Amino acid sequence: MRIILCGVHDYINPKYLALARKHGFSLHTIEADLLDLGKLMDGETITIQGQQYQATKDGSKLVQKT
């Protein structure tokens, strides 16, 4: 399954990242294709379109917004 986000320029709602990570989906924007979110371990961070997100046991959270 794929989650395709339209109109995203910087911020991605962490709930989409959590959904993709939990179910092994890929997430796509015009600028990025995130294929392996399910491999992120709790506490790991990922930078997407200048924003830093952290994987948590409950999903994902925004750590740093630029």
PDB file of N, CA and C in Angstrom:
ATOM      1  N   MET A   1       0.831  -1.172   0.000  1.00  0.00           N
ATOM      2  CA  MET A   1       0.000   0.000   0.000  1.00  0.00           C
ATOM      3  C   MET A   1       0.879   1.240   0.000  1.00  0.00           C
ATOM      4  N   ARG A   2       0.329   2.308  -0.560  1.00  0.00           N
ATOM      5  CA  ARG A   2       1.042   3.578  -0.631  1.00  0.00           C
ATOM      6  C   ARG A   2       0.175   4.681  -0.044  1.00  0.00           C
ATOM      7  N   ILE A   3       0.821   5.567   0.693  1.00  0.00           N
ATOM      8  CA  ILE A   3       0.162   6.780   1.156  1.00  0.00           C
ATOM      9  C   ILE A   3       0.752   7.911   0.336  1.00  0.00           C
ATOM     10  N   ILE A   4      -0.080   8.608  -0.412  1.00  0.00           N
ATOM     11  CA  ILE A   4       0.382   9.704  -1.260  1.00  0.00           C
ATOM     12  C   ILE A   4      -0.169  10.999  -0.683  1.00  0.00           C
ATOM     13  N   LEU A   5       0.748  11.893  -0.296  1.00  0.00           N
ATOM     14  CA  LEU A   5       0.355  13.171   0.282  1.00  0.00           C
ATOM     15  C   LEU A   5       0.498  14.259  -0.773  1.00  0.00           C
ATOM     16  N   CYS A   6      -0.569  14.960  -1.036  1.00  0.00           N
ATOM     17  CA  CYS A   6      -0.570  16.037  -2.031  1.00  0.00           C
ATOM     18  C   CYS A   6      -0.543  17.386  -1.315  1.00  0.00           C
ATOM     19  N   GLY A   7       0.150  18.343  -1.918  1.00  0.00           N
ATOM     20  CA  GLY A   7       0.183  19.694  -1.374  1.00  0.00           C
ATOM     21  C   GLY A   7       1.049  19.853  -0.141  1.00  0.00           C
ATOM     22  N   VAL A   8       1.934  18.909   0.111  1.00  0.00           N
ATOM     23  CA  VAL A   8       2.823  18.984   1.271  1.00  0.00           C
ATOM     24  C   VAL A   8       4.095  19.709   0.861  1.00  0.00           C
ATOM     25  N   HIS A   9       4.402  20.801   1.581  1.00  0.00           N
ATOM     26  CA  HIS A   9       5.607  21.564   1.261  1.00  0.00           C
ATOM     27  C   HIS A   9       6.681  21.419   2.332  1.00  0.00           C
ATOM     28  N   ASP A  10       6.290  21.216   3.567  1.00  0.00           N
ATOM     29  CA  ASP A  10       7.282  21.025   4.617  1.00  0.00           C
ATOM     30  C   ASP A  10       6.775  20.060   5.693  1.00  0.00           C
ATOM     31  N   TYR A  11       5.766  20.435   6.435  1.00  0.00           N
ATOM     32  CA  TYR A  11       5.281  19.635   7.564  1.00  0.00           C
ATOM     33  C   TYR A  11       4.422  18.459   7.097  1.00  0.00           C
ATOM     34  N   ILE A  12       4.721  17.284   7.641  1.00  0.00           N
ATOM     35  CA  ILE A  12       3.901  16.092   7.424  1.00  0.00           C
ATOM     36  C   ILE A  12       3.312  15.705   8.775  1.00  0.00           C
ATOM     37  N   ASN A  13       2.023  15.501   8.811  1.00  0.00           N
ATOM     38  CA  ASN A  13       1.379  15.089  10.053  1.00  0.00           C
ATOM     39  C   ASN A  13       1.995  13.759  10.499  1.00  0.00           C
ATOM     40  N   PRO A  14       2.534  13.706  11.724  1.00  0.00           N
ATOM     41  CA  PRO A  14       3.168  12.477  12.205  1.00  0.00           C
ATOM     42  C   PRO A  14       2.253  11.254  12.188  1.00  0.00           C
ATOM     43  N   LYS A  15       0.947  11.458  12.163  1.00  0.00           N
ATOM     44  CA  LYS A  15       0.023  10.321  12.112  1.00  0.00           C
ATOM     45  C   LYS A  15       0.169   9.546  10.804  1.00  0.00           C
ATOM     46  N   TYR A  16       0.496  10.240   9.708  1.00  0.00           N
ATOM     47  CA  TYR A  16       0.739   9.544   8.443  1.00  0.00           C
ATOM     48  C   TYR A  16       2.008   8.694   8.531  1.00  0.00           C
ATOM     49  N   LEU A  17       3.042   9.225   9.178  1.00  0.00           N
ATOM     50  CA  LEU A  17       4.286   8.468   9.353  1.00  0.00           C
ATOM     51  C   LEU A  17       4.032   7.238  10.223  1.00  0.00           C
ATOM     52  N   ALA A  18       3.256   7.418  11.285  1.00  0.00           N
ATOM     53  CA  ALA A  18       2.947   6.299  12.182  1.00  0.00           C
ATOM     54  C   ALA A  18       2.158   5.220  11.457  1.00  0.00           C
ATOM     55  N   LEU A  19       1.188   5.623  10.652  1.00  0.00           N
ATOM     56  CA  LEU A  19       0.377   4.671   9.890  1.00  0.00           C
ATOM     57  C   LEU A  19       1.250   3.866   8.929  1.00  0.00           C
ATOM     58  N   ALA A  20       2.118   4.564   8.204  1.00  0.00           N
ATOM     59  CA  ALA A  20       3.004   3.888   7.255  1.00  0.00           C
ATOM     60  C   ALA A  20       3.965   2.949   7.982  1.00  0.00           C
ATOM     61  N   ARG A  21       4.512   3.408   9.097  1.00  0.00           N
ATOM     62  CA  ARG A  21       5.460   2.587   9.851  1.00  0.00           C
ATOM     63  C   ARG A  21       4.784   1.345  10.419  1.00  0.00           C
ATOM     64  N   LYS A  22       3.623   1.511  11.008  1.00  0.00           N
ATOM     65  CA  LYS A  22       2.924   0.405  11.663  1.00  0.00           C
ATOM     66  C   LYS A  22       2.528  -0.695  10.684  1.00  0.00           C
ATOM     67  N   HIS A  23       2.083  -0.305   9.497  1.00  0.00           N
ATOM     68  CA  HIS A  23       1.550  -1.280   8.548  1.00  0.00           C
ATOM     69  C   HIS A  23       2.491  -1.604   7.391  1.00  0.00           C
ATOM     70  N   GLY A  24       3.694  -1.004   7.388  1.00  0.00           N
ATOM     71  CA  GLY A  24       4.658  -1.295   6.328  1.00  0.00           C
ATOM     72  C   GLY A  24       4.334  -0.629   5.002  1.00  0.00           C
ATOM     73  N   PHE A  25       3.548   0.457   5.041  1.00  0.00           N
ATOM     74  CA  PHE A  25       3.210   1.183   3.822  1.00  0.00           C
ATOM     75  C   PHE A  25       4.371   2.086   3.423  1.00  0.00           C
ATOM     76  N   SER A  26       4.385   2.511   2.167  1.00  0.00           N
ATOM     77  CA  SER A  26       5.312   3.552   1.735  1.00  0.00           C
ATOM     78  C   SER A  26       4.565   4.877   1.753  1.00  0.00           C
ATOM     79  N   LEU A  27       5.315   5.963   1.919  1.00  0.00           N
ATOM     80  CA  LEU A  27       4.723   7.298   1.969  1.00  0.00           C
ATOM     81  C   LEU A  27       5.395   8.142   0.897  1.00  0.00           C
ATOM     82  N   HIS A  28       4.606   8.890   0.134  1.00  0.00           N
ATOM     83  CA  HIS A  28       5.139   9.631  -1.012  1.00  0.00           C
ATOM     84  C   HIS A  28       4.660  11.079  -1.009  1.00  0.00           C
ATOM     85  N   THR A  29       5.594  11.989  -1.280  1.00  0.00           N
ATOM     86  CA  THR A  29       5.281  13.391  -1.546  1.00  0.00           C
ATOM     87  C   THR A  29       5.895  13.716  -2.896  1.00  0.00           C
ATOM     88  N   ILE A  30       5.700  14.939  -3.360  1.00  0.00           N
ATOM     89  CA  ILE A  30       6.277  15.335  -4.643  1.00  0.00           C
ATOM     90  C   ILE A  30       7.815  15.322  -4.577  1.00  0.00           C
ATOM     91  N   GLU A  31       8.367  15.499  -3.366  1.00  0.00           N
ATOM     92  CA  GLU A  31       9.816  15.590  -3.203  1.00  0.00           C
ATOM     93  C   GLU A  31      10.468  14.334  -2.636  1.00  0.00           C
ATOM     94  N   ALA A  32       9.696  13.429  -2.070  1.00  0.00           N
ATOM     95  CA  ALA A  32      10.314  12.290  -1.385  1.00  0.00           C
ATOM     96  C   ALA A  32       9.474  11.025  -1.518  1.00  0.00           C
ATOM     97  N   ASP A  33      10.172   9.898  -1.568  1.00  0.00           N
ATOM     98  CA  ASP A  33       9.560   8.572  -1.530  1.00  0.00           C
ATOM     99  C   ASP A  33      10.160   7.847  -0.331  1.00  0.00           C
ATOM    100  N   LEU A  34       9.360   7.608   0.678  1.00  0.00           N
ATOM    101  CA  LEU A  34       9.819   6.965   1.906  1.00  0.00           C
ATOM    102  C   LEU A  34       9.318   5.534   1.906  1.00  0.00           C
ATOM    103  N   LEU A  35      10.248   4.617   1.695  1.00  0.00           N
ATOM    104  CA  LEU A  35       9.868   3.232   1.453  1.00  0.00           C
ATOM    105  C   LEU A  35      10.040   2.312   2.655  1.00  0.00           C
ATOM    106  N   ASP A  36      10.921   2.641   3.578  1.00  0.00           N
ATOM    107  CA  ASP A  36      11.268   1.713   4.655  1.00  0.00           C
ATOM    108  C   ASP A  36      10.955   2.256   6.045  1.00  0.00           C
ATOM    109  N   LEU A  37       9.867   2.951   6.202  1.00  0.00           N
ATOM    110  CA  LEU A  37       9.528   3.500   7.519  1.00  0.00           C
ATOM    111  C   LEU A  37       9.308   2.400   8.547  1.00  0.00           C
ATOM    112  N   GLY A  38       8.870   1.248   8.114  1.00  0.00           N
ATOM    113  CA  GLY A  38       8.647   0.126   9.018  1.00  0.00           C
ATOM    114  C   GLY A  38       9.919  -0.394   9.668  1.00  0.00           C
ATOM    115  N   LYS A  39      11.063  -0.050   9.106  1.00  0.00           N
ATOM    116  CA  LYS A  39      12.345  -0.498   9.658  1.00  0.00           C
ATOM    117  C   LYS A  39      12.885   0.434  10.738  1.00  0.00           C
ATOM    118  N   LEU A  40      12.242   1.603  10.913  1.00  0.00           N
ATOM    119  CA  LEU A  40      12.700   2.528  11.949  1.00  0.00           C
ATOM    120  C   LEU A  40      12.452   1.930  13.329  1.00  0.00           C
ATOM    121  N   MET A  41      13.446   2.027  14.177  1.00  0.00           N
ATOM    122  CA  MET A  41      13.326   1.565  15.560  1.00  0.00           C
ATOM    123  C   MET A  41      12.870   2.730  16.434  1.00  0.00           C
ATOM    124  N   ASP A  42      12.223   2.433  17.555  1.00  0.00           N
ATOM    125  CA  ASP A  42      11.822   3.484  18.487  1.00  0.00           C
ATOM    126  C   ASP A  42      13.034   4.332  18.861  1.00  0.00           C
ATOM    127  N   GLY A  43      12.860   5.647  18.819  1.00  0.00           N
ATOM    128  CA  GLY A  43      13.935   6.573  19.163  1.00  0.00           C
ATOM    129  C   GLY A  43      14.730   7.064  17.972  1.00  0.00           C
ATOM    130  N   GLU A  44      14.674   6.354  16.856  1.00  0.00           N
ATOM    131  CA  GLU A  44      15.389   6.796  15.659  1.00  0.00           C
ATOM    132  C   GLU A  44      14.705   8.018  15.069  1.00  0.00           C
ATOM    133  N   THR A  45      15.514   8.873  14.433  1.00  0.00           N
ATOM    134  CA  THR A  45      14.962  10.064  13.800  1.00  0.00           C
ATOM    135  C   THR A  45      15.158   9.992  12.294  1.00  0.00           C
ATOM    136  N   ILE A  46      14.292  10.710  11.595  1.00  0.00           N
ATOM    137  CA  ILE A  46      14.360  10.794  10.144  1.00  0.00           C
ATOM    138  C   ILE A  46      14.046  12.241   9.765  1.00  0.00           C
ATOM    139  N   THR A  47      14.774  12.762   8.786  1.00  0.00           N
ATOM    140  CA  THR A  47      14.529  14.113   8.304  1.00  0.00           C
ATOM    141  C   THR A  47      13.814  14.024   6.968  1.00  0.00           C
ATOM    142  N   ILE A  48      12.675  14.696   6.893  1.00  0.00           N
ATOM    143  CA  ILE A  48      11.859  14.699   5.688  1.00  0.00           C
ATOM    144  C   ILE A  48      11.538  16.145   5.349  1.00  0.00           C
ATOM    145  N   GLN A  49      11.971  16.576   4.192  1.00  0.00           N
ATOM    146  CA  GLN A  49      11.688  17.924   3.704  1.00  0.00           C
ATOM    147  C   GLN A  49      12.042  18.985   4.747  1.00  0.00           C
ATOM    148  N   GLY A  50      13.183  18.816   5.401  1.00  0.00           N
ATOM    149  CA  GLY A  50      13.684  19.790   6.359  1.00  0.00           C
ATOM    150  C   GLY A  50      13.132  19.666   7.765  1.00  0.00           C
ATOM    151  N   GLN A  51      12.203  18.762   7.997  1.00  0.00           N
ATOM    152  CA  GLN A  51      11.610  18.565   9.320  1.00  0.00           C
ATOM    153  C   GLN A  51      12.131  17.246   9.896  1.00  0.00           C
ATOM    154  N   GLN A  52      12.417  17.256  11.175  1.00  0.00           N
ATOM    155  CA  GLN A  52      12.944  16.055  11.819  1.00  0.00           C
ATOM    156  C   GLN A  52      11.848  15.399  12.655  1.00  0.00           C
ATOM    157  N   TYR A  53      11.659  14.100  12.432  1.00  0.00           N
ATOM    158  CA  TYR A  53      10.639  13.320  13.129  1.00  0.00           C
ATOM    159  C   TYR A  53      11.321  12.169  13.862  1.00  0.00           C
ATOM    160  N   GLN A  54      10.744  11.774  14.998  1.00  0.00           N
ATOM    161  CA  GLN A  54      11.283  10.664  15.781  1.00  0.00           C
ATOM    162  C   GLN A  54      10.242   9.556  15.872  1.00  0.00           C
ATOM    163  N   ALA A  55      10.698   8.331  15.646  1.00  0.00           N
ATOM    164  CA  ALA A  55       9.825   7.166  15.806  1.00  0.00           C
ATOM    165  C   ALA A  55       9.654   6.901  17.297  1.00  0.00           C
ATOM    166  N   THR A  56       8.415   6.667  17.705  1.00  0.00           N
ATOM    167  CA  THR A  56       8.120   6.376  19.107  1.00  0.00           C
ATOM    168  C   THR A  56       7.309   5.084  19.189  1.00  0.00           C
ATOM    169  N   LYS A  57       7.164   4.563  20.383  1.00  0.00           N
ATOM    170  CA  LYS A  57       6.381   3.329  20.529  1.00  0.00           C
ATOM    171  C   LYS A  57       4.915   3.557  20.180  1.00  0.00           C
ATOM    172  N   ASP A  58       4.464   4.808  20.273  1.00  0.00           N
ATOM    173  CA  ASP A  58       3.075   5.146  19.955  1.00  0.00           C
ATOM    174  C   ASP A  58       2.897   5.665  18.532  1.00  0.00           C
ATOM    175  N   GLY A  59       3.975   5.779  17.772  1.00  0.00           N
ATOM    176  CA  GLY A  59       3.876   6.283  16.396  1.00  0.00           C
ATOM    177  C   GLY A  59       5.084   7.099  16.005  1.00  0.00           C
ATOM    178  N   SER A  60       4.869   8.391  15.797  1.00  0.00           N
ATOM    179  CA  SER A  60       5.933   9.316  15.425  1.00  0.00           C
ATOM    180  C   SER A  60       5.607  10.684  15.989  1.00  0.00           C
ATOM    181  N   LYS A  61       6.663  11.500  16.183  1.00  0.00           N
ATOM    182  CA  LYS A  61       6.431  12.867  16.637  1.00  0.00           C
ATOM    183  C   LYS A  61       7.415  13.800  15.953  1.00  0.00           C
ATOM    184  N   LEU A  62       6.991  15.037  15.779  1.00  0.00           N
ATOM    185  CA  LEU A  62       7.844  16.070  15.213  1.00  0.00           C
ATOM    186  C   LEU A  62       8.836  16.486  16.280  1.00  0.00           C
ATOM    187  N   VAL A  63      10.127  16.452  15.934  1.00  0.00           N
ATOM    188  CA  VAL A  63      11.168  16.805  16.889  1.00  0.00           C
ATOM    189  C   VAL A  63      11.645  18.225  16.630  1.00  0.00           C
ATOM    190  N   GLN A  64      11.864  18.549  15.363  1.00  0.00           N
ATOM    191  CA  GLN A  64      12.384  19.867  15.018  1.00  0.00           C
ATOM    192  C   GLN A  64      11.718  20.348  13.745  1.00  0.00           C
ATOM    193  N   LYS A  65      11.124  21.522  13.824  1.00  0.00           N
ATOM    194  CA  LYS A  65      10.493  22.125  12.652  1.00  0.00           C
ATOM    195  C   LYS A  65      11.321  23.322  12.234  1.00  0.00           C
ATOM    196  N   THR A  66      11.651  23.391  10.951  1.00  0.00           N
ATOM    197  CA  THR A  66      12.461  24.515  10.476  1.00  0.00           C
ATOM    198  C   THR A  66      11.607  25.543   9.792  1.00  0.00           C
TER     199      THR A  66
END
